[in-house]
Amino acid sequence: MLQVVVKTQEIVAMQIRYQIIIYWCEQRQRYIAEVPELPDCEAGGRTYQEALSQAEQSIRQWIEAARAFRQPIPEPLGRLLPT
C-alpha cells in the first residue's frame, strides 16, 4: 500500500509535458481536451480552464493506471502539430 501512495505522490508532483489540444465542441456544448500521445486520454469542461485542469488530472490517472498494470508510458514528444 505504501508503494502505491509514493507513486501517486510522484504523479501529482510531476510536470505535465504532454501536448494537450483543447477545442470547443458545438455538439457537446463544452471544451474538449485531448492528449494525443496517450491513447484514449481526454477530458472536457464548461470552460477552457476547466478542460485543461481535467486533462491534467486525466494524464495523471492514465499514468497511474499504466504503472499499476505494468504498461509502457510514452515519453512526451513535445510539439506534435506543425506551425
Protein backbone atom coordinates (compact mmCIF):
# COMPACT_ATOMS: atom_id res chain seq x y z
CA MET A 1 0.00 0.00 0.00
CA LEU A 2 2.78 2.46 0.83
CA GLN A 3 4.36 1.87 -2.58
CA VAL A 4 1.16 2.91 -4.37
CA VAL A 5 0.94 6.09 -2.28
CA VAL A 6 4.52 7.03 -3.18
CA LYS A 7 3.81 6.54 -6.89
CA THR A 8 0.66 8.64 -6.61
CA GLN A 9 2.67 11.44 -4.99
CA GLU A 10 5.23 11.26 -7.80
CA ILE A 11 2.46 11.62 -10.37
CA VAL A 12 0.93 14.60 -8.58
CA ALA A 13 4.33 16.30 -8.32
CA MET A 14 5.37 15.70 -11.93
CA GLN A 15 5.13 18.39 -14.54
CA ILE A 16 2.70 17.80 -17.38
CA ARG A 17 4.78 17.73 -20.55
CA TYR A 18 2.34 16.07 -22.90
CA GLN A 19 0.67 18.13 -25.58
CA ILE A 20 -2.95 18.95 -24.78
CA ILE A 21 -5.23 20.03 -27.62
CA ILE A 22 -8.29 21.96 -26.48
CA TYR A 23 -11.20 22.87 -28.74
CA TRP A 24 -14.86 23.84 -28.48
CA CYS A 25 -17.34 21.08 -29.36
CA GLU A 26 -20.62 22.54 -30.54
CA GLN A 27 -22.42 19.18 -30.27
CA ARG A 28 -21.45 18.66 -26.62
CA GLN A 29 -21.53 22.37 -25.77
CA ARG A 30 -18.22 22.14 -23.92
CA TYR A 31 -14.48 22.32 -24.39
CA ILE A 32 -12.76 19.04 -25.19
CA ALA A 33 -9.14 18.43 -24.23
CA GLU A 34 -7.31 15.59 -25.99
CA VAL A 35 -3.86 14.19 -25.20
CA PRO A 36 -2.74 12.61 -28.49
CA GLU A 37 0.33 10.89 -27.05
CA LEU A 38 -1.72 8.89 -24.53
CA PRO A 39 -4.35 6.65 -26.16
CA ASP A 40 -7.93 7.41 -25.07
CA CYS A 41 -6.80 10.20 -22.74
CA GLU A 42 -9.22 13.09 -22.99
CA ALA A 43 -11.34 15.32 -20.78
CA GLY A 44 -13.88 18.09 -21.03
CA GLY A 45 -15.15 21.15 -19.25
CA ARG A 46 -17.57 24.04 -19.43
CA THR A 47 -14.65 26.46 -19.63
CA TYR A 48 -11.23 26.32 -21.27
CA GLN A 49 -9.56 26.34 -17.85
CA GLU A 50 -11.79 23.53 -16.56
CA ALA A 51 -10.99 21.39 -19.63
CA LEU A 52 -7.26 21.99 -19.10
CA SER A 53 -7.46 21.11 -15.40
CA GLN A 54 -9.45 17.94 -16.16
CA ALA A 55 -6.94 16.96 -18.87
CA GLU A 56 -4.05 17.31 -16.41
CA GLN A 57 -5.93 15.07 -13.97
CA SER A 58 -6.65 12.57 -16.77
CA ILE A 59 -2.95 12.44 -17.65
CA ARG A 60 -2.05 11.66 -14.03
CA GLN A 61 -4.72 8.95 -13.85
CA TRP A 62 -3.63 7.48 -17.20
CA ILE A 63 -0.03 7.21 -15.99
CA GLU A 64 -1.09 5.79 -12.63
CA ALA A 65 -3.17 3.08 -14.37
CA ALA A 66 -0.35 2.26 -16.79
CA ARG A 67 2.05 1.83 -13.88
CA ALA A 68 -0.45 -0.33 -11.97
CA PHE A 69 -0.83 -2.65 -14.97
CA ARG A 70 2.90 -2.51 -15.81
CA GLN A 71 2.23 -0.94 -19.20
CA PRO A 72 4.71 1.29 -21.03
CA ILE A 73 4.34 5.03 -20.57
CA PRO A 74 5.20 7.04 -23.67
CA GLU A 75 7.79 9.78 -23.31
CA PRO A 76 6.41 13.22 -24.12
CA LEU A 77 7.34 14.08 -27.71
CA GLY A 78 6.87 17.81 -27.48
CA ARG A 79 5.11 19.74 -30.19
CA LEU A 80 3.14 17.42 -32.48
CA LEU A 81 1.28 19.94 -34.62
CA PRO A 82 3.07 21.85 -37.39
CA THR A 83 3.39 25.61 -37.01
